Structures are given as structure tokens and as C-alpha cells.
Amino acid sequence: MTDRLEQRHGVPVLICAPDGPPVTTEQDALDLIGAAFSRSDVVALPVARLDPRFFTLGTGLAGAIMQKFVNYRVRLAIVGDITGHLAGSSALRALVEESNRGRQIWFVTDLDEFDAHLT
């Protein structure tokens, strides 16, 4: 499966394939932003593509990756079940809750929930 561009509720979205290259560095995030830039407003990235260190906030990886998306004004939706990660970190729970209140970065369980954020 490959990444694909879709219109969802009139918004161009780069839907990333779960089996695509992992996002383990800031450069990987920049590569996704580059793929989306000028073609889509949002990147929908499956949890499976994220390095597990992303969910350990002390590593700084989540902050660095999220900041790249904010800086380039490309919205990011992290799609998938992260309940296991949330159970072990009150800081991650707070980050997810705060992010989901905004318009730039969302954590959603599936594309239906993602669509609800778009409308």
C-alpha cells in the first residue's frame, strides 16, 4: 500500500499507508511535510509508522516532530489506538487532550474520528 491523496470533507489529505517508512527522526517528519506541501493541508499518519519513542515525551521526539508540522503549517492527524501509551503517562494524556482541542495536531482512533475533526 502507498500513501495517497484524498479529499475528505473538501480538504486535501495525505493518507499515509500503515506499512510505509517509519517516522523516527525530524528529517522523516520533514520528508512527510515535503510530500504533503502544496498538495494537501493535512497528513493522516498511522500510529504504526511512529517510532515508539514518540510516545515517551522525555525523549523530545514528539515535540520535535509536532513542531515541524506547526512551523510548516501542515496539520497532522495521528491515527490509531494509543491507549496503551496513554495508560502509562499522564503527561501524554494531557498532550493529547490539549492537541485535540486545537486545529493543528490531532490524535484520533480512526479516519471516522478524523473526519469529525475536519467538519
N, C-alpha and C. Protein backbone atom coordinates (compact mmCIF):
# COMPACT_ATOMS: atom_id res chain seq x y z
N MET A 1 0.84 -1.17 0.00
CA MET A 1 0.00 0.00 0.00
C MET A 1 0.90 1.25 0.00
N THR A 2 0.48 2.28 -0.68
CA THR A 2 1.25 3.52 -0.73
C THR A 2 0.44 4.67 -0.16
N ASP A 3 1.16 5.72 0.19
CA ASP A 3 0.48 6.94 0.63
C ASP A 3 -0.38 7.45 -0.51
N ARG A 4 -1.53 8.05 -0.18
CA ARG A 4 -2.41 8.53 -1.24
C ARG A 4 -3.03 9.87 -0.84
N LEU A 5 -3.37 10.65 -1.82
CA LEU A 5 -4.02 11.93 -1.61
C LEU A 5 -5.52 11.74 -1.76
N GLU A 6 -6.29 12.22 -0.77
CA GLU A 6 -7.75 12.10 -0.79
C GLU A 6 -8.37 13.43 -0.42
N GLN A 7 -9.54 13.68 -0.95
CA GLN A 7 -10.37 14.80 -0.50
C GLN A 7 -11.31 14.26 0.58
N ARG A 8 -11.25 14.85 1.76
CA ARG A 8 -12.14 14.44 2.85
C ARG A 8 -12.82 15.69 3.35
N HIS A 9 -14.14 15.76 3.13
CA HIS A 9 -14.93 16.95 3.50
C HIS A 9 -14.37 18.20 2.85
N GLY A 10 -13.93 18.05 1.60
CA GLY A 10 -13.41 19.18 0.85
C GLY A 10 -11.99 19.58 1.21
N VAL A 11 -11.33 18.80 2.04
CA VAL A 11 -9.96 19.11 2.47
C VAL A 11 -9.01 18.09 1.85
N PRO A 12 -7.97 18.54 1.16
CA PRO A 12 -6.99 17.59 0.64
C PRO A 12 -6.14 17.02 1.78
N VAL A 13 -6.09 15.69 1.85
CA VAL A 13 -5.41 14.99 2.95
C VAL A 13 -4.46 13.95 2.36
N LEU A 14 -3.23 13.94 2.86
CA LEU A 14 -2.30 12.87 2.53
C LEU A 14 -2.52 11.76 3.54
N ILE A 15 -3.10 10.66 3.08
CA ILE A 15 -3.36 9.48 3.92
C ILE A 15 -2.14 8.58 3.80
N CYS A 16 -1.42 8.42 4.88
CA CYS A 16 -0.19 7.62 4.86
C CYS A 16 -0.52 6.15 5.07
N ALA A 17 0.15 5.31 4.32
CA ALA A 17 -0.04 3.87 4.43
C ALA A 17 0.60 3.36 5.72
N PRO A 18 -0.06 2.43 6.41
CA PRO A 18 0.49 1.90 7.66
C PRO A 18 1.85 1.22 7.48
N ASP A 19 2.08 0.67 6.30
CA ASP A 19 3.33 -0.07 6.08
C ASP A 19 4.40 0.77 5.39
N GLY A 20 4.22 2.08 5.38
CA GLY A 20 5.21 2.97 4.79
C GLY A 20 6.42 3.13 5.68
N PRO A 21 7.35 3.97 5.26
CA PRO A 21 8.57 4.16 6.04
C PRO A 21 8.28 4.73 7.42
N PRO A 22 8.99 4.25 8.42
CA PRO A 22 8.76 4.73 9.79
C PRO A 22 9.21 6.18 9.95
N VAL A 23 8.56 6.85 10.88
CA VAL A 23 8.93 8.22 11.23
C VAL A 23 9.70 8.13 12.55
N THR A 24 11.02 8.22 12.45
CA THR A 24 11.87 8.05 13.62
C THR A 24 12.73 9.27 13.91
N THR A 25 12.73 10.24 12.98
CA THR A 25 13.57 11.42 13.15
C THR A 25 12.82 12.66 12.67
N GLU A 26 13.38 13.81 12.98
CA GLU A 26 12.82 15.06 12.48
C GLU A 26 12.88 15.09 10.95
N GLN A 27 13.93 14.54 10.38
CA GLN A 27 14.05 14.52 8.92
C GLN A 27 12.93 13.69 8.30
N ASP A 28 12.55 12.60 8.93
CA ASP A 28 11.43 11.80 8.43
C ASP A 28 10.15 12.63 8.43
N ALA A 29 9.96 13.44 9.47
CA ALA A 29 8.79 14.33 9.53
C ALA A 29 8.86 15.35 8.40
N LEU A 30 10.03 15.91 8.18
CA LEU A 30 10.19 16.88 7.08
C LEU A 30 9.92 16.25 5.73
N ASP A 31 10.29 14.98 5.56
CA ASP A 31 10.01 14.28 4.31
C ASP A 31 8.50 14.16 4.09
N LEU A 32 7.75 13.87 5.14
CA LEU A 32 6.28 13.80 5.04
C LEU A 32 5.70 15.17 4.72
N ILE A 33 6.21 16.18 5.38
CA ILE A 33 5.74 17.54 5.12
C ILE A 33 6.02 17.91 3.67
N GLY A 34 7.18 17.54 3.18
CA GLY A 34 7.52 17.81 1.78
C GLY A 34 6.58 17.10 0.82
N ALA A 35 6.21 15.86 1.17
CA ALA A 35 5.29 15.11 0.31
C ALA A 35 3.91 15.75 0.31
N ALA A 36 3.55 16.36 1.42
CA ALA A 36 2.21 16.96 1.54
C ALA A 36 2.18 18.40 1.02
N PHE A 37 3.29 19.08 1.12
CA PHE A 37 3.34 20.52 0.86
C PHE A 37 2.79 20.86 -0.52
N SER A 38 1.93 21.81 -0.56
CA SER A 38 1.25 22.34 -1.76
C SER A 38 0.24 21.37 -2.38
N ARG A 39 0.15 20.15 -1.85
CA ARG A 39 -0.84 19.20 -2.38
C ARG A 39 -1.93 18.91 -1.37
N SER A 40 -1.60 19.02 -0.08
CA SER A 40 -2.59 18.69 0.94
C SER A 40 -2.41 19.60 2.15
N ASP A 41 -3.49 19.71 2.91
CA ASP A 41 -3.49 20.55 4.11
C ASP A 41 -3.21 19.75 5.38
N VAL A 42 -3.41 18.44 5.29
CA VAL A 42 -3.31 17.59 6.47
C VAL A 42 -2.59 16.30 6.10
N VAL A 43 -1.80 15.79 7.04
CA VAL A 43 -1.19 14.46 6.91
C VAL A 43 -1.86 13.57 7.95
N ALA A 44 -2.43 12.46 7.51
CA ALA A 44 -3.01 11.45 8.40
C ALA A 44 -2.00 10.32 8.52
N LEU A 45 -1.35 10.25 9.66
CA LEU A 45 -0.23 9.33 9.87
C LEU A 45 -0.62 8.22 10.83
N PRO A 46 -0.56 6.96 10.39
CA PRO A 46 -0.89 5.85 11.28
C PRO A 46 0.12 5.73 12.43
N VAL A 47 -0.39 5.38 13.59
CA VAL A 47 0.45 5.16 14.76
C VAL A 47 1.57 4.17 14.45
N ALA A 48 1.27 3.17 13.64
CA ALA A 48 2.25 2.13 13.32
C ALA A 48 3.52 2.68 12.69
N ARG A 49 3.45 3.86 12.09
CA ARG A 49 4.62 4.44 11.44
C ARG A 49 5.49 5.24 12.40
N LEU A 50 5.00 5.50 13.60
CA LEU A 50 5.75 6.30 14.56
C LEU A 50 6.68 5.43 15.40
N ASP A 51 7.88 5.91 15.59
CA ASP A 51 8.83 5.28 16.49
C ASP A 51 8.20 5.27 17.89
N PRO A 52 8.28 4.17 18.63
CA PRO A 52 7.72 4.12 19.98
C PRO A 52 8.25 5.23 20.90
N ARG A 53 9.44 5.75 20.63
CA ARG A 53 9.98 6.85 21.44
C ARG A 53 9.12 8.09 21.35
N PHE A 54 8.32 8.21 20.29
CA PHE A 54 7.42 9.36 20.14
C PHE A 54 6.52 9.49 21.35
N PHE A 55 6.09 8.36 21.90
CA PHE A 55 5.11 8.35 22.98
C PHE A 55 5.75 8.45 24.37
N THR A 56 7.05 8.51 24.43
CA THR A 56 7.77 8.78 25.67
C THR A 56 8.24 10.22 25.58
N LEU A 57 7.48 11.11 26.18
CA LEU A 57 7.70 12.54 25.96
C LEU A 57 9.08 13.01 26.38
N GLY A 58 9.70 12.33 27.31
CA GLY A 58 11.04 12.70 27.75
C GLY A 58 12.10 12.62 26.67
N THR A 59 11.83 11.87 25.60
CA THR A 59 12.81 11.76 24.52
C THR A 59 12.85 13.03 23.67
N GLY A 60 11.78 13.80 23.70
CA GLY A 60 11.71 15.02 22.89
C GLY A 60 11.29 14.78 21.45
N LEU A 61 11.14 13.53 21.06
CA LEU A 61 10.81 13.23 19.66
C LEU A 61 9.44 13.75 19.28
N ALA A 62 8.44 13.56 20.13
CA ALA A 62 7.09 14.04 19.81
C ALA A 62 7.09 15.55 19.63
N GLY A 63 7.72 16.25 20.54
CA GLY A 63 7.77 17.71 20.44
C GLY A 63 8.46 18.18 19.19
N ALA A 64 9.56 17.54 18.84
CA ALA A 64 10.31 17.93 17.65
C ALA A 64 9.51 17.69 16.37
N ILE A 65 8.87 16.54 16.29
CA ILE A 65 8.08 16.21 15.10
C ILE A 65 6.86 17.12 15.00
N MET A 66 6.16 17.28 16.10
CA MET A 66 4.97 18.12 16.09
C MET A 66 5.32 19.57 15.75
N GLN A 67 6.45 20.05 16.25
CA GLN A 67 6.86 21.42 15.97
C GLN A 67 7.14 21.63 14.49
N LYS A 68 7.69 20.63 13.83
CA LYS A 68 7.94 20.75 12.38
C LYS A 68 6.63 20.96 11.63
N PHE A 69 5.61 20.20 11.99
CA PHE A 69 4.31 20.35 11.33
C PHE A 69 3.72 21.73 11.60
N VAL A 70 3.84 22.19 12.82
CA VAL A 70 3.32 23.51 13.17
C VAL A 70 4.08 24.59 12.38
N ASN A 71 5.39 24.49 12.36
CA ASN A 71 6.21 25.50 11.67
C ASN A 71 5.86 25.61 10.19
N TYR A 72 5.60 24.49 9.55
CA TYR A 72 5.30 24.49 8.12
C TYR A 72 3.81 24.60 7.83
N ARG A 73 3.02 24.75 8.88
CA ARG A 73 1.57 24.93 8.76
C ARG A 73 0.88 23.80 7.99
N VAL A 74 1.33 22.60 8.27
CA VAL A 74 0.69 21.39 7.74
C VAL A 74 0.09 20.69 8.96
N ARG A 75 -1.21 20.47 8.93
CA ARG A 75 -1.86 19.80 10.06
C ARG A 75 -1.48 18.33 10.07
N LEU A 76 -1.47 17.77 11.27
CA LEU A 76 -1.10 16.37 11.47
C LEU A 76 -2.18 15.66 12.27
N ALA A 77 -2.61 14.52 11.76
CA ALA A 77 -3.53 13.65 12.49
C ALA A 77 -2.80 12.32 12.70
N ILE A 78 -2.63 11.96 13.94
CA ILE A 78 -2.03 10.67 14.28
C ILE A 78 -3.19 9.72 14.49
N VAL A 79 -3.23 8.70 13.63
CA VAL A 79 -4.41 7.83 13.54
C VAL A 79 -4.09 6.44 14.09
N GLY A 80 -4.86 6.05 15.11
CA GLY A 80 -4.70 4.70 15.65
C GLY A 80 -4.90 4.67 17.15
N ASP A 81 -4.86 3.48 17.68
CA ASP A 81 -5.10 3.25 19.10
C ASP A 81 -3.82 3.48 19.89
N ILE A 82 -3.85 4.45 20.79
CA ILE A 82 -2.68 4.72 21.63
C ILE A 82 -3.02 4.52 23.11
N THR A 83 -4.07 3.78 23.41
CA THR A 83 -4.50 3.62 24.80
C THR A 83 -3.40 3.01 25.67
N GLY A 84 -2.61 2.12 25.14
CA GLY A 84 -1.51 1.54 25.92
C GLY A 84 -0.50 2.59 26.32
N HIS A 85 -0.20 3.49 25.42
CA HIS A 85 0.74 4.57 25.72
C HIS A 85 0.13 5.56 26.73
N LEU A 86 -1.15 5.84 26.56
CA LEU A 86 -1.83 6.80 27.44
C LEU A 86 -1.91 6.29 28.88
N ALA A 87 -2.08 4.98 29.03
CA ALA A 87 -2.22 4.40 30.36
C ALA A 87 -0.99 4.64 31.22
N GLY A 88 0.16 4.73 30.58
CA GLY A 88 1.40 4.87 31.34
C GLY A 88 1.92 6.29 31.49
N SER A 89 1.18 7.29 31.01
CA SER A 89 1.73 8.64 31.04
C SER A 89 0.65 9.71 31.16
N SER A 90 0.61 10.34 32.30
CA SER A 90 -0.35 11.44 32.46
C SER A 90 0.06 12.63 31.60
N ALA A 91 1.35 12.81 31.38
CA ALA A 91 1.81 13.91 30.52
C ALA A 91 1.35 13.70 29.08
N LEU A 92 1.43 12.47 28.60
CA LEU A 92 0.97 12.18 27.24
C LEU A 92 -0.55 12.38 27.15
N ARG A 93 -1.28 11.95 28.16
CA ARG A 93 -2.73 12.16 28.16
C ARG A 93 -3.05 13.65 28.07
N ALA A 94 -2.32 14.46 28.82
CA ALA A 94 -2.54 15.91 28.79
C ALA A 94 -2.20 16.49 27.41
N LEU A 95 -1.13 16.02 26.81
CA LEU A 95 -0.74 16.48 25.48
C LEU A 95 -1.82 16.15 24.45
N VAL A 96 -2.32 14.93 24.50
CA VAL A 96 -3.36 14.50 23.55
C VAL A 96 -4.63 15.32 23.75
N GLU A 97 -5.04 15.51 24.98
CA GLU A 97 -6.26 16.29 25.24
C GLU A 97 -6.10 17.72 24.73
N GLU A 98 -4.98 18.33 25.02
CA GLU A 98 -4.75 19.71 24.59
C GLU A 98 -4.66 19.80 23.06
N SER A 99 -3.96 18.87 22.44
CA SER A 99 -3.83 18.87 20.98
C SER A 99 -5.18 18.73 20.31
N ASN A 100 -6.01 17.85 20.84
CA ASN A 100 -7.31 17.59 20.23
C ASN A 100 -8.28 18.76 20.37
N ARG A 101 -7.99 19.70 21.25
CA ARG A 101 -8.80 20.91 21.36
C ARG A 101 -8.45 21.92 20.26
N GLY A 102 -7.27 21.78 19.70
CA GLY A 102 -6.79 22.73 18.70
C GLY A 102 -7.13 22.34 17.28
N ARG A 103 -6.48 22.99 16.34
CA ARG A 103 -6.74 22.75 14.92
C ARG A 103 -5.51 22.26 14.17
N GLN A 104 -4.39 22.09 14.86
CA GLN A 104 -3.14 21.78 14.16
C GLN A 104 -2.76 20.30 14.24
N ILE A 105 -2.89 19.70 15.41
CA ILE A 105 -2.46 18.31 15.61
C ILE A 105 -3.55 17.58 16.39
N TRP A 106 -3.94 16.42 15.84
CA TRP A 106 -4.99 15.63 16.46
C TRP A 106 -4.51 14.19 16.64
N PHE A 107 -4.99 13.58 17.69
CA PHE A 107 -4.80 12.15 17.92
C PHE A 107 -6.19 11.53 17.81
N VAL A 108 -6.38 10.66 16.82
CA VAL A 108 -7.69 10.07 16.57
C VAL A 108 -7.55 8.56 16.45
N THR A 109 -8.62 7.84 16.77
CA THR A 109 -8.54 6.38 16.72
C THR A 109 -8.69 5.83 15.31
N ASP A 110 -9.43 6.55 14.47
CA ASP A 110 -9.64 6.06 13.10
C ASP A 110 -10.00 7.24 12.19
N LEU A 111 -10.18 6.95 10.92
CA LEU A 111 -10.47 8.02 9.95
C LEU A 111 -11.86 8.61 10.14
N ASP A 112 -12.80 7.86 10.73
CA ASP A 112 -14.12 8.43 11.02
C ASP A 112 -13.99 9.55 12.06
N GLU A 113 -13.20 9.30 13.10
CA GLU A 113 -12.97 10.34 14.11
C GLU A 113 -12.20 11.51 13.50
N PHE A 114 -11.28 11.21 12.63
CA PHE A 114 -10.55 12.26 11.91
C PHE A 114 -11.51 13.14 11.12
N ASP A 115 -12.44 12.52 10.41
CA ASP A 115 -13.43 13.26 9.64
C ASP A 115 -14.24 14.21 10.53
N ALA A 116 -14.54 13.77 11.75
CA ALA A 116 -15.30 14.61 12.68
C ALA A 116 -14.51 15.87 13.03
N HIS A 117 -13.20 15.78 13.09
CA HIS A 117 -12.37 16.96 13.35
C HIS A 117 -12.38 17.92 12.16
N LEU A 118 -12.51 17.38 10.98
CA LEU A 118 -12.49 18.21 9.77
C LEU A 118 -13.78 19.01 9.58
N THR A 119 -14.88 18.49 10.13
CA THR A 119 -16.17 19.17 9.90
C THR A 119 -16.47 20.19 10.98
